[in-house]
């Protein structure tokens, strides 16, 4: 039987791995959004004139951005789905480990 400190260390490693997976998924989402924005902006030269308080991002730009975003997510869907599945598996493993060893969830995990 493992000691309490070994169990907590293993749980900490499992939670750190889950956080790293979440971070990786967030990086991919930010990369996709940034690329979609660059593509939308560079698609055509903005020749319209706007006042100081007016946004240069038109509804057409927003629609094109959303379409590009969807296309880029579709291109990387395998990677995104793999990471999302990994997050689910990691969360289940952490919950099972906590249950098996009688370790309660941290206060910040209970509220979220």
PDB file of N, CA and C in Angstrom:
ATOM      1  N   UNK A   1       0.840  -1.182   0.000  1.00  0.00           N
ATOM      2  CA  UNK A   1       0.000   0.000   0.000  1.00  0.00           C
ATOM      3  C   UNK A   1       0.883   1.244   0.000  1.00  0.00           C
ATOM      4  N   UNK A   2       0.539   2.165  -0.811  1.00  0.00           N
ATOM      5  CA  UNK A   2       1.316   3.402  -0.910  1.00  0.00           C
ATOM      6  C   UNK A   2       0.970   4.335   0.239  1.00  0.00           C
ATOM      7  N   UNK A   3       1.922   5.129   0.583  1.00  0.00           N
ATOM      8  CA  UNK A   3       1.685   6.086   1.658  1.00  0.00           C
ATOM      9  C   UNK A   3       0.818   7.230   1.148  1.00  0.00           C
ATOM     10  N   UNK A   4       0.299   7.970   2.096  1.00  0.00           N
ATOM     11  CA  UNK A   4      -0.559   9.107   1.760  1.00  0.00           C
ATOM     12  C   UNK A   4       0.192  10.131   0.909  1.00  0.00           C
ATOM     13  N   UNK A   5       1.449  10.371   1.239  1.00  0.00           N
ATOM     14  CA  UNK A   5       2.224  11.359   0.474  1.00  0.00           C
ATOM     15  C   UNK A   5       2.486  10.877  -0.950  1.00  0.00           C
ATOM     16  N   UNK A   6       2.702   9.563  -1.133  1.00  0.00           N
ATOM     17  CA  UNK A   6       2.897   9.031  -2.490  1.00  0.00           C
ATOM     18  C   UNK A   6       1.616   9.156  -3.312  1.00  0.00           C
ATOM     19  N   UNK A   7       0.477   8.889  -2.658  1.00  0.00           N
ATOM     20  CA  UNK A   7      -0.804   9.019  -3.356  1.00  0.00           C
ATOM     21  C   UNK A   7      -1.057  10.467  -3.766  1.00  0.00           C
ATOM     22  N   UNK A   8      -0.789  11.377  -2.859  1.00  0.00           N
ATOM     23  CA  UNK A   8      -0.988  12.800  -3.173  1.00  0.00           C
ATOM     24  C   UNK A   8      -0.023  13.267  -4.265  1.00  0.00           C
ATOM     25  N   UNK A   9       1.198  12.745  -4.259  1.00  0.00           N
ATOM     26  CA  UNK A   9       2.162  13.102  -5.306  1.00  0.00           C
ATOM     27  C   UNK A   9       1.686  12.584  -6.662  1.00  0.00           C
ATOM     28  N   UNK A  10       1.169  11.362  -6.672  1.00  0.00           N
ATOM     29  CA  UNK A  10       0.663  10.801  -7.929  1.00  0.00           C
ATOM     30  C   UNK A  10      -0.541  11.603  -8.424  1.00  0.00           C
ATOM     31  N   UNK A  11      -1.427  11.964  -7.495  1.00  0.00           N
ATOM     32  CA  UNK A  11      -2.584  12.780  -7.857  1.00  0.00           C
ATOM     33  C   UNK A  11      -2.136  14.135  -8.404  1.00  0.00           C
ATOM     34  N   UNK A  12      -1.135  14.717  -7.791  1.00  0.00           N
ATOM     35  CA  UNK A  12      -0.616  16.010  -8.267  1.00  0.00           C
ATOM     36  C   UNK A  12      -0.060  15.880  -9.681  1.00  0.00           C
ATOM     37  N   UNK A  13       0.638  14.773  -9.966  1.00  0.00           N
ATOM     38  CA  UNK A  13       1.160  14.551 -11.329  1.00  0.00           C
ATOM     39  C   UNK A  13       0.015  14.393 -12.329  1.00  0.00           C
ATOM     40  N   UNK A  14      -1.022  13.667 -11.927  1.00  0.00           N
ATOM     41  CA  UNK A  14      -2.177  13.476 -12.813  1.00  0.00           C
ATOM     42  C   UNK A  14      -2.860  14.814 -13.099  1.00  0.00           C
ATOM     43  N   UNK A  15      -3.019  15.627 -12.062  1.00  0.00           N
ATOM     44  CA  UNK A  15      -3.658  16.931 -12.247  1.00  0.00           C
ATOM     45  C   UNK A  15      -2.786  17.867 -13.071  1.00  0.00           C
ATOM     46  N   UNK A  16      -1.475  17.783 -12.893  1.00  0.00           N
ATOM     47  CA  UNK A  16      -0.563  18.612 -13.697  1.00  0.00           C
ATOM     48  C   UNK A  16      -0.644  18.215 -15.169  1.00  0.00           C
ATOM     49  N   UNK A  17      -0.761  16.918 -15.432  1.00  0.00           N
ATOM     50  CA  UNK A  17      -0.893  16.452 -16.817  1.00  0.00           C
ATOM     51  C   UNK A  17      -2.195  16.960 -17.429  1.00  0.00           C
ATOM     52  N   UNK A  18      -3.275  16.966 -16.623  1.00  0.00           N
ATOM     53  CA  UNK A  18      -4.554  17.478 -17.122  1.00  0.00           C
ATOM     54  C   UNK A  18      -4.463  18.969 -17.432  1.00  0.00           C
ATOM     55  N   UNK A  19      -3.814  19.718 -16.558  1.00  0.00           N
ATOM     56  CA  UNK A  19      -3.642  21.163 -16.781  1.00  0.00           C
ATOM     57  C   UNK A  19      -2.828  21.403 -18.054  1.00  0.00           C
ATOM     58  N   UNK A  20      -1.802  20.600 -18.267  1.00  0.00           N
ATOM     59  CA  UNK A  20      -0.972  20.737 -19.472  1.00  0.00           C
ATOM     60  C   UNK A  20      -1.797  20.447 -20.729  1.00  0.00           C
ATOM     61  N   UNK A  21      -2.652  19.449 -20.673  1.00  0.00           N
ATOM     62  CA  UNK A  21      -3.519  19.136 -21.814  1.00  0.00           C
ATOM     63  C   UNK A  21      -4.492  20.284 -22.080  1.00  0.00           C
ATOM     64  N   UNK A  22      -5.070  20.846 -21.016  1.00  0.00           N
ATOM     65  CA  UNK A  22      -5.964  22.003 -21.174  1.00  0.00           C
ATOM     66  C   UNK A  22      -5.218  23.177 -21.794  1.00  0.00           C
ATOM     67  N   UNK A  23      -3.980  23.388 -21.350  1.00  0.00           N
ATOM     68  CA  UNK A  23      -3.166  24.484 -21.884  1.00  0.00           C
ATOM     69  C   UNK A  23      -2.887  24.265 -23.369  1.00  0.00           C
ATOM     70  N   UNK A  24      -2.574  23.029 -23.741  1.00  0.00           N
ATOM     71  CA  UNK A  24      -2.300  22.710 -25.143  1.00  0.00           C
ATOM     72  C   UNK A  24      -3.538  22.956 -26.009  1.00  0.00           C
ATOM     73  N   UNK A  25      -4.693  22.558 -25.512  1.00  0.00           N
ATOM     74  CA  UNK A  25      -5.935  22.787 -26.253  1.00  0.00           C
ATOM     75  C   UNK A  25      -6.217  24.281 -26.396  1.00  0.00           C
ATOM     76  N   UNK A  26      -5.959  25.049 -25.350  1.00  0.00           N
ATOM     77  CA  UNK A  26      -6.160  26.507 -25.407  1.00  0.00           C
ATOM     78  C   UNK A  26      -5.202  27.152 -26.404  1.00  0.00           C
ATOM     79  N   UNK A  27      -3.967  26.667 -26.458  1.00  0.00           N
ATOM     80  CA  UNK A  27      -2.992  27.191 -27.426  1.00  0.00           C
ATOM     81  C   UNK A  27      -3.491  26.954 -28.845  1.00  0.00           C
ATOM     82  N   UNK A  28      -3.991  25.764 -29.113  1.00  0.00           N
ATOM     83  CA  UNK A  28      -4.502  25.447 -30.450  1.00  0.00           C
ATOM     84  C   UNK A  28      -5.663  26.370 -30.805  1.00  0.00           C
ATOM     85  N   UNK A  29      -6.578  26.583 -29.864  1.00  0.00           N
ATOM     86  CA  UNK A  29      -7.718  27.473 -30.118  1.00  0.00           C
ATOM     87  C   UNK A  29      -7.248  28.900 -30.405  1.00  0.00           C
ATOM     88  N   UNK A  30      -6.262  29.385 -29.646  1.00  0.00           N
ATOM     89  CA  UNK A  30      -5.739  30.740 -29.889  1.00  0.00           C
ATOM     90  C   UNK A  30      -5.041  30.816 -31.248  1.00  0.00           C
ATOM     91  N   UNK A  31      -4.294  29.780 -31.613  1.00  0.00           N
ATOM     92  CA  UNK A  31      -3.628  29.766 -32.916  1.00  0.00           C
ATOM     93  C   UNK A  31      -4.654  29.820 -34.044  1.00  0.00           C
ATOM     94  N   UNK A  32      -5.703  29.038 -33.916  1.00  0.00           N
ATOM     95  CA  UNK A  32      -6.745  29.010 -34.943  1.00  0.00           C
ATOM     96  C   UNK A  32      -7.416  30.374 -35.058  1.00  0.00           C
ATOM     97  N   UNK A  33      -7.765  30.977 -33.928  1.00  0.00           N
ATOM     98  CA  UNK A  33      -8.432  32.285 -33.947  1.00  0.00           C
ATOM     99  C   UNK A  33      -7.523  33.360 -34.535  1.00  0.00           C
ATOM    100  N   UNK A  34      -6.248  33.341 -34.170  1.00  0.00           N
ATOM    101  CA  UNK A  34      -5.313  34.343 -34.695  1.00  0.00           C
ATOM    102  C   UNK A  34      -5.141  34.178 -36.201  1.00  0.00           C
ATOM    103  N   UNK A  35      -5.041  32.941 -36.655  1.00  0.00           N
ATOM    104  CA  UNK A  35      -4.881  32.701 -38.092  1.00  0.00           C
ATOM    105  C   UNK A  35      -6.138  33.115 -38.852  1.00  0.00           C
ATOM    106  N   UNK A  36      -7.305  32.810 -38.299  1.00  0.00           N
ATOM    107  CA  UNK A  36      -8.559  33.210 -38.954  1.00  0.00           C
ATOM    108  C   UNK A  36      -8.650  34.725 -39.052  1.00  0.00           C
ATOM    109  N   UNK A  37      -8.220  35.415 -38.014  1.00  0.00           N
ATOM    110  CA  UNK A  37      -8.242  36.882 -38.046  1.00  0.00           C
ATOM    111  C   UNK A  37      -7.276  37.416 -39.102  1.00  0.00           C
ATOM    112  N   UNK A  38      -6.072  36.847 -39.162  1.00  0.00           N
ATOM    113  CA  UNK A  38      -5.101  37.294 -40.181  1.00  0.00           C
ATOM    114  C   UNK A  38      -5.632  37.055 -41.584  1.00  0.00           C
ATOM    115  N   UNK A  39      -6.239  35.904 -41.806  1.00  0.00           N
ATOM    116  CA  UNK A  39      -6.786  35.593 -43.130  1.00  0.00           C
ATOM    117  C   UNK A  39      -7.905  36.570 -43.478  1.00  0.00           C
ATOM    118  N   UNK A  40      -8.776  36.843 -42.523  1.00  0.00           N
ATOM    119  CA  UNK A  40      -9.894  37.763 -42.760  1.00  0.00           C
ATOM    120  C   UNK A  40      -9.394  39.160 -43.096  1.00  0.00           C
ATOM    121  N   UNK A  41      -8.418  39.631 -42.350  1.00  0.00           N
ATOM    122  CA  UNK A  41      -7.894  40.981 -42.574  1.00  0.00           C
ATOM    123  C   UNK A  41      -7.156  41.071 -43.902  1.00  0.00           C
ATOM    124  N   UNK A  42      -6.404  40.037 -44.244  1.00  0.00           N
ATOM    125  CA  UNK A  42      -5.588  40.110 -45.457  1.00  0.00           C
ATOM    126  C   UNK A  42      -6.340  39.714 -46.722  1.00  0.00           C
ATOM    127  N   UNK A  43      -7.596  39.293 -46.598  1.00  0.00           N
ATOM    128  CA  UNK A  43      -8.356  38.885 -47.777  1.00  0.00           C
ATOM    129  C   UNK A  43      -8.541  40.029 -48.757  1.00  0.00           C
ATOM    130  N   UNK A  44      -8.794  41.183 -48.237  1.00  0.00           N
ATOM    131  CA  UNK A  44      -8.918  42.346 -49.115  1.00  0.00           C
ATOM    132  C   UNK A  44      -8.449  43.582 -48.367  1.00  0.00           C
ATOM    133  N   UNK A  45      -8.026  44.551 -49.107  1.00  0.00           N
ATOM    134  CA  UNK A  45      -7.538  45.795 -48.513  1.00  0.00           C
ATOM    135  C   UNK A  45      -8.734  46.618 -48.077  1.00  0.00           C
ATOM    136  N   UNK A  46      -8.644  47.136 -46.895  1.00  0.00           N
ATOM    137  CA  UNK A  46      -9.732  47.964 -46.375  1.00  0.00           C
ATOM    138  C   UNK A  46      -9.645  49.344 -47.026  1.00  0.00           C
ATOM    139  N   UNK A  47     -10.583  49.619 -47.899  1.00  0.00           N
ATOM    140  CA  UNK A  47     -10.578  50.915 -48.571  1.00  0.00           C
ATOM    141  C   UNK A  47     -11.695  51.810 -48.066  1.00  0.00           C
ATOM    142  N   UNK A  48     -12.457  51.302 -47.126  1.00  0.00           N
ATOM    143  CA  UNK A  48     -13.573  52.094 -46.611  1.00  0.00           C
ATOM    144  C   UNK A  48     -13.054  53.155 -45.650  1.00  0.00           C
ATOM    145  N   UNK A  49     -13.777  54.222 -45.567  1.00  0.00           N
ATOM    146  CA  UNK A  49     -13.421  55.301 -44.651  1.00  0.00           C
ATOM    147  C   UNK A  49     -14.379  55.264 -43.467  1.00  0.00           C
ATOM    148  N   UNK A  50     -13.818  55.356 -42.295  1.00  0.00           N
ATOM    149  CA  UNK A  50     -14.613  55.303 -41.076  1.00  0.00           C
ATOM    150  C   UNK A  50     -14.245  56.466 -40.189  1.00  0.00           C
ATOM    151  N   UNK A  51     -15.184  56.829 -39.343  1.00  0.00           N
ATOM    152  CA  UNK A  51     -14.921  57.861 -38.349  1.00  0.00           C
ATOM    153  C   UNK A  51     -14.078  57.289 -37.219  1.00  0.00           C
ATOM    154  N   UNK A  52     -13.666  58.164 -36.318  1.00  0.00           N
ATOM    155  CA  UNK A  52     -12.815  57.727 -35.219  1.00  0.00           C
ATOM    156  C   UNK A  52     -13.504  56.722 -34.303  1.00  0.00           C
ATOM    157  N   UNK A  53     -14.791  56.876 -34.083  1.00  0.00           N
ATOM    158  CA  UNK A  53     -15.498  56.013 -33.146  1.00  0.00           C
ATOM    159  C   UNK A  53     -16.113  54.788 -33.817  1.00  0.00           C
ATOM    160  N   UNK A  54     -15.897  54.619 -35.106  1.00  0.00           N
ATOM    161  CA  UNK A  54     -16.504  53.520 -35.837  1.00  0.00           C
ATOM    162  C   UNK A  54     -15.526  52.360 -35.959  1.00  0.00           C
ATOM    163  N   UNK A  55     -16.049  51.170 -35.798  1.00  0.00           N
ATOM    164  CA  UNK A  55     -15.220  49.975 -35.915  1.00  0.00           C
ATOM    165  C   UNK A  55     -14.928  49.684 -37.383  1.00  0.00           C
ATOM    166  N   UNK A  56     -13.732  49.217 -37.652  1.00  0.00           N
ATOM    167  CA  UNK A  56     -13.376  48.827 -39.015  1.00  0.00           C
ATOM    168  C   UNK A  56     -13.778  47.380 -39.284  1.00  0.00           C
ATOM    169  N   UNK A  57     -14.290  46.689 -38.291  1.00  0.00           N
ATOM    170  CA  UNK A  57     -14.685  45.288 -38.422  1.00  0.00           C
ATOM    171  C   UNK A  57     -16.172  45.258 -38.756  1.00  0.00           C
ATOM    172  N   UNK A  58     -16.492  44.996 -40.015  1.00  0.00           N
ATOM    173  CA  UNK A  58     -17.878  45.037 -40.480  1.00  0.00           C
ATOM    174  C   UNK A  58     -18.559  43.681 -40.258  1.00  0.00           C
ATOM    175  N   UNK A  59     -19.875  43.641 -40.405  1.00  0.00           N
ATOM    176  CA  UNK A  59     -20.581  42.355 -40.311  1.00  0.00           C
ATOM    177  C   UNK A  59     -20.098  41.340 -41.355  1.00  0.00           C
ATOM    178  N   UNK A  60     -19.710  41.822 -42.520  1.00  0.00           N
ATOM    179  CA  UNK A  60     -19.165  40.928 -43.549  1.00  0.00           C
ATOM    180  C   UNK A  60     -17.847  40.333 -43.064  1.00  0.00           C
ATOM    181  N   UNK A  61     -17.018  41.170 -42.432  1.00  0.00           N
ATOM    182  CA  UNK A  61     -15.753  40.685 -41.880  1.00  0.00           C
ATOM    183  C   UNK A  61     -16.008  39.628 -40.808  1.00  0.00           C
ATOM    184  N   UNK A  62     -16.981  39.885 -39.960  1.00  0.00           N
ATOM    185  CA  UNK A  62     -17.295  38.929 -38.886  1.00  0.00           C
ATOM    186  C   UNK A  62     -17.765  37.600 -39.466  1.00  0.00           C
ATOM    187  N   UNK A  63     -18.619  37.657 -40.484  1.00  0.00           N
ATOM    188  CA  UNK A  63     -19.098  36.432 -41.115  1.00  0.00           C
ATOM    189  C   UNK A  63     -17.939  35.667 -41.743  1.00  0.00           C
ATOM    190  N   UNK A  64     -17.058  36.384 -42.439  1.00  0.00           N
ATOM    191  CA  UNK A  64     -15.906  35.733 -43.060  1.00  0.00           C
ATOM    192  C   UNK A  64     -14.979  35.145 -41.991  1.00  0.00           C
ATOM    193  N   UNK A  65     -14.798  35.870 -40.893  1.00  0.00           N
ATOM    194  CA  UNK A  65     -13.973  35.381 -39.792  1.00  0.00           C
ATOM    195  C   UNK A  65     -14.549  34.082 -39.228  1.00  0.00           C
ATOM    196  N   UNK A  66     -15.865  34.061 -38.993  1.00  0.00           N
ATOM    197  CA  UNK A  66     -16.504  32.866 -38.436  1.00  0.00           C
ATOM    198  C   UNK A  66     -16.409  31.683 -39.401  1.00  0.00           C
ATOM    199  N   UNK A  67     -16.557  31.942 -40.701  1.00  0.00           N
ATOM    200  CA  UNK A  67     -16.428  30.876 -41.696  1.00  0.00           C
ATOM    201  C   UNK A  67     -15.003  30.341 -41.741  1.00  0.00           C
ATOM    202  N   UNK A  68     -14.030  31.243 -41.702  1.00  0.00           N
ATOM    203  CA  UNK A  68     -12.626  30.838 -41.705  1.00  0.00           C
ATOM    204  C   UNK A  68     -12.291  30.077 -40.435  1.00  0.00           C
ATOM    205  N   UNK A  69     -12.799  30.554 -39.312  1.00  0.00           N
ATOM    206  CA  UNK A  69     -12.581  29.890 -38.030  1.00  0.00           C
ATOM    207  C   UNK A  69     -13.122  28.460 -38.071  1.00  0.00           C
ATOM    208  N   UNK A  70     -14.318  28.286 -38.597  1.00  0.00           N
ATOM    209  CA  UNK A  70     -14.916  26.955 -38.702  1.00  0.00           C
ATOM    210  C   UNK A  70     -14.094  26.053 -39.618  1.00  0.00           C
ATOM    211  N   UNK A  71     -13.615  26.601 -40.729  1.00  0.00           N
ATOM    212  CA  UNK A  71     -12.806  25.808 -41.656  1.00  0.00           C
ATOM    213  C   UNK A  71     -11.482  25.385 -41.018  1.00  0.00           C
ATOM    214  N   UNK A  72     -10.851  26.306 -40.293  1.00  0.00           N
ATOM    215  CA  UNK A  72      -9.582  25.974 -39.641  1.00  0.00           C
ATOM    216  C   UNK A  72      -9.780  24.959 -38.518  1.00  0.00           C
ATOM    217  N   UNK A  73     -10.869  25.089 -37.773  1.00  0.00           N
ATOM    218  CA  UNK A  73     -11.159  24.093 -36.731  1.00  0.00           C
ATOM    219  C   UNK A  73     -11.410  22.728 -37.363  1.00  0.00           C
ATOM    220  N   UNK A  74     -12.092  22.731 -38.508  1.00  0.00           N
ATOM    221  CA  UNK A  74     -12.351  21.474 -39.201  1.00  0.00           C
ATOM    222  C   UNK A  74     -11.040  20.821 -39.635  1.00  0.00           C
ATOM    223  N   UNK A  75     -10.095  21.635 -40.109  1.00  0.00           N
ATOM    224  CA  UNK A  75      -8.795  21.104 -40.525  1.00  0.00           C
ATOM    225  C   UNK A  75      -8.055  20.446 -39.365  1.00  0.00           C
ATOM    226  N   UNK A  76      -8.223  20.995 -38.173  1.00  0.00           N
ATOM    227  CA  UNK A  76      -7.489  20.481 -37.009  1.00  0.00           C
ATOM    228  C   UNK A  76      -8.387  19.677 -36.068  1.00  0.00           C
ATOM    229  N   UNK A  77      -9.530  19.223 -36.597  1.00  0.00           N
ATOM    230  CA  UNK A  77     -10.502  18.534 -35.756  1.00  0.00           C
ATOM    231  C   UNK A  77      -9.948  17.263 -35.125  1.00  0.00           C
ATOM    232  N   UNK A  78      -9.086  16.541 -35.827  1.00  0.00           N
ATOM    233  CA  UNK A  78      -8.531  15.302 -35.280  1.00  0.00           C
ATOM    234  C   UNK A  78      -7.711  15.609 -34.025  1.00  0.00           C
ATOM    235  N   UNK A  79      -6.873  16.630 -34.115  1.00  0.00           N
ATOM    236  CA  UNK A  79      -6.040  17.019 -32.976  1.00  0.00           C
ATOM    237  C   UNK A  79      -6.894  17.545 -31.819  1.00  0.00           C
ATOM    238  N   UNK A  80      -7.883  18.366 -32.141  1.00  0.00           N
ATOM    239  CA  UNK A  80      -8.761  18.928 -31.109  1.00  0.00           C
ATOM    240  C   UNK A  80      -9.572  17.823 -30.440  1.00  0.00           C
ATOM    241  N   UNK A  81     -10.133  16.913 -31.239  1.00  0.00           N
ATOM    242  CA  UNK A  81     -10.919  15.809 -30.678  1.00  0.00           C
ATOM    243  C   UNK A  81     -10.064  14.891 -29.812  1.00  0.00           C
ATOM    244  N   UNK A  82      -8.831  14.643 -30.243  1.00  0.00           N
ATOM    245  CA  UNK A  82      -7.934  13.791 -29.456  1.00  0.00           C
ATOM    246  C   UNK A  82      -7.638  14.424 -28.102  1.00  0.00           C
ATOM    247  N   UNK A  83      -7.377  15.724 -28.097  1.00  0.00           N
ATOM    248  CA  UNK A  83      -7.099  16.407 -26.830  1.00  0.00           C
ATOM    249  C   UNK A  83      -8.344  16.472 -25.946  1.00  0.00           C
ATOM    250  N   UNK A  84      -9.503  16.704 -26.545  1.00  0.00           N
ATOM    251  CA  UNK A  84     -10.743  16.742 -25.765  1.00  0.00           C
ATOM    252  C   UNK A  84     -11.026  15.374 -25.141  1.00  0.00           C
ATOM    253  N   UNK A  85     -10.810  14.313 -25.897  1.00  0.00           N
ATOM    254  CA  UNK A  85     -10.992  12.960 -25.361  1.00  0.00           C
ATOM    255  C   UNK A  85      -9.995  12.675 -24.248  1.00  0.00           C
ATOM    256  N   UNK A  86      -8.779  13.139 -24.447  1.00  0.00           N
ATOM    257  CA  UNK A  86      -7.748  12.950 -23.426  1.00  0.00           C
ATOM    258  C   UNK A  86      -8.138  13.663 -22.134  1.00  0.00           C
ATOM    259  N   UNK A  87      -8.701  14.869 -22.254  1.00  0.00           N
ATOM    260  CA  UNK A  87      -9.157  15.600 -21.067  1.00  0.00           C
ATOM    261  C   UNK A  87     -10.245  14.831 -20.322  1.00  0.00           C
ATOM    262  N   UNK A  88     -11.168  14.240 -21.061  1.00  0.00           N
ATOM    263  CA  UNK A  88     -12.239  13.460 -20.435  1.00  0.00           C
ATOM    264  C   UNK A  88     -11.649  12.254 -19.710  1.00  0.00           C
ATOM    265  N   UNK A  89     -10.730  11.551 -20.371  1.00  0.00           N
ATOM    266  CA  UNK A  89     -10.094  10.389 -19.733  1.00  0.00           C
ATOM    267  C   UNK A  89      -9.323  10.795 -18.487  1.00  0.00           C
ATOM    268  N   UNK A  90      -8.594  11.916 -18.580  1.00  0.00           N
ATOM    269  CA  UNK A  90      -7.820  12.373 -17.428  1.00  0.00           C
ATOM    270  C   UNK A  90      -8.736  12.753 -16.268  1.00  0.00           C
ATOM    271  N   UNK A  91      -9.827  13.439 -16.549  1.00  0.00           N
ATOM    272  CA  UNK A  91     -10.770  13.819 -15.492  1.00  0.00           C
ATOM    273  C   UNK A  91     -11.376  12.580 -14.840  1.00  0.00           C
ATOM    274  N   UNK A  92     -11.725  11.565 -15.649  1.00  0.00           N
ATOM    275  CA  UNK A  92     -12.276  10.323 -15.092  1.00  0.00           C
ATOM    276  C   UNK A  92     -11.243   9.599 -14.242  1.00  0.00           C
ATOM    277  N   UNK A  93     -10.004   9.556 -14.725  1.00  0.00           N
ATOM    278  CA  UNK A  93      -8.944   8.879 -13.969  1.00  0.00           C
ATOM    279  C   UNK A  93      -8.695   9.577 -12.636  1.00  0.00           C
ATOM    280  N   UNK A  94      -8.713  10.895 -12.648  1.00  0.00           N
ATOM    281  CA  UNK A  94      -8.503  11.656 -11.408  1.00  0.00           C
ATOM    282  C   UNK A  94      -9.656  11.408 -10.442  1.00  0.00           C
ATOM    283  N   UNK A  95     -10.885  11.429 -10.953  1.00  0.00           N
ATOM    284  CA  UNK A  95     -12.050  11.182 -10.096  1.00  0.00           C
ATOM    285  C   UNK A  95     -12.007   9.768  -9.514  1.00  0.00           C
ATOM    286  N   UNK A  96     -11.660   8.782 -10.340  1.00  0.00           N
ATOM    287  CA  UNK A  96     -11.569   7.398  -9.864  1.00  0.00           C
ATOM    288  C   UNK A  96     -10.459   7.249  -8.827  1.00  0.00           C
ATOM    289  N   UNK A  97      -9.339   7.904  -9.062  1.00  0.00           N
ATOM    290  CA  UNK A  97      -8.218   7.847  -8.121  1.00  0.00           C
ATOM    291  C   UNK A  97      -8.630   8.453  -6.786  1.00  0.00           C
ATOM    292  N   UNK A  98      -9.303   9.590  -6.835  1.00  0.00           N
ATOM    293  CA  UNK A  98      -9.768  10.239  -5.598  1.00  0.00           C
ATOM    294  C   UNK A  98     -10.738   9.330  -4.842  1.00  0.00           C
ATOM    295  N   UNK A  99     -11.662   8.721  -5.562  1.00  0.00           N
ATOM    296  CA  UNK A  99     -12.646   7.842  -4.946  1.00  0.00           C
ATOM    297  C   UNK A  99     -11.975   6.605  -4.345  1.00  0.00           C
ATOM    298  N   UNK A 100     -11.089   5.997  -5.103  1.00  0.00           N
ATOM    299  CA  UNK A 100     -10.407   4.778  -4.671  1.00  0.00           C
ATOM    300  C   UNK A 100      -9.569   5.006  -3.420  1.00  0.00           C
ATOM    301  N   UNK A 101      -8.939   6.172  -3.331  1.00  0.00           N
ATOM    302  CA  UNK A 101      -8.039   6.443  -2.216  1.00  0.00           C
ATOM    303  C   UNK A 101      -8.649   7.365  -1.164  1.00  0.00           C
ATOM    304  N   UNK A 102      -9.914   7.722  -1.329  1.00  0.00           N
ATOM    305  CA  UNK A 102     -10.599   8.535  -0.330  1.00  0.00           C
ATOM    306  C   UNK A 102     -10.048   9.939  -0.185  1.00  0.00           C
ATOM    307  N   UNK A 103      -9.619  10.520  -1.295  1.00  0.00           N
ATOM    308  CA  UNK A 103      -9.085  11.885  -1.282  1.00  0.00           C
ATOM    309  C   UNK A 103     -10.181  12.810  -1.780  1.00  0.00           C
ATOM    310  N   UNK A 104     -10.519  13.800  -0.977  1.00  0.00           N
ATOM    311  CA  UNK A 104     -11.573  14.727  -1.392  1.00  0.00           C
ATOM    312  C   UNK A 104     -11.021  15.733  -2.395  1.00  0.00           C
ATOM    313  N   UNK A 105     -11.933  16.322  -3.164  1.00  0.00           N
ATOM    314  CA  UNK A 105     -11.542  17.324  -4.163  1.00  0.00           C
ATOM    315  C   UNK A 105     -11.083  18.589  -3.457  1.00  0.00           C
ATOM    316  N   UNK A 106     -10.163  19.289  -4.099  1.00  0.00           N
ATOM    317  CA  UNK A 106      -9.683  20.561  -3.565  1.00  0.00           C
ATOM    318  C   UNK A 106     -10.831  21.572  -3.604  1.00  0.00           C
ATOM    319  N   UNK A 107     -10.855  22.551  -2.695  1.00  0.00           N
ATOM    320  CA  UNK A 107     -11.964  23.524  -2.658  1.00  0.00           C
ATOM    321  C   UNK A 107     -12.200  24.240  -3.983  1.00  0.00           C
ATOM    322  N   UNK A 108     -11.141  24.587  -4.736  1.00  0.00           N
ATOM    323  CA  UNK A 108     -11.337  25.291  -6.005  1.00  0.00           C
ATOM    324  C   UNK A 108     -11.944  24.383  -7.060  1.00  0.00           C
ATOM    325  N   UNK A 109     -11.773  23.045  -6.939  1.00  0.00           N
ATOM    326  CA  UNK A 109     -12.362  22.120  -7.899  1.00  0.00           C
ATOM    327  C   UNK A 109     -13.845  21.913  -7.623  1.00  0.00           C
ATOM    328  N   UNK A 110     -14.239  22.016  -6.371  1.00  0.00           N
ATOM    329  CA  UNK A 110     -15.635  21.820  -6.010  1.00  0.00           C
ATOM    330  C   UNK A 110     -16.493  22.945  -6.579  1.00  0.00           C
ATOM    331  N   UNK A 111     -15.999  24.174  -6.534  1.00  0.00           N
ATOM    332  CA  UNK A 111     -16.772  25.320  -7.005  1.00  0.00           C
ATOM    333  C   UNK A 111     -16.832  25.411  -8.513  1.00  0.00           C
ATOM    334  N   UNK A 112     -15.869  24.869  -9.226  1.00  0.00           N
ATOM    335  CA  UNK A 112     -15.860  25.011 -10.685  1.00  0.00           C
ATOM    336  C   UNK A 112     -16.580  23.900 -11.380  1.00  0.00           C
TER     337      UNK A 112
END
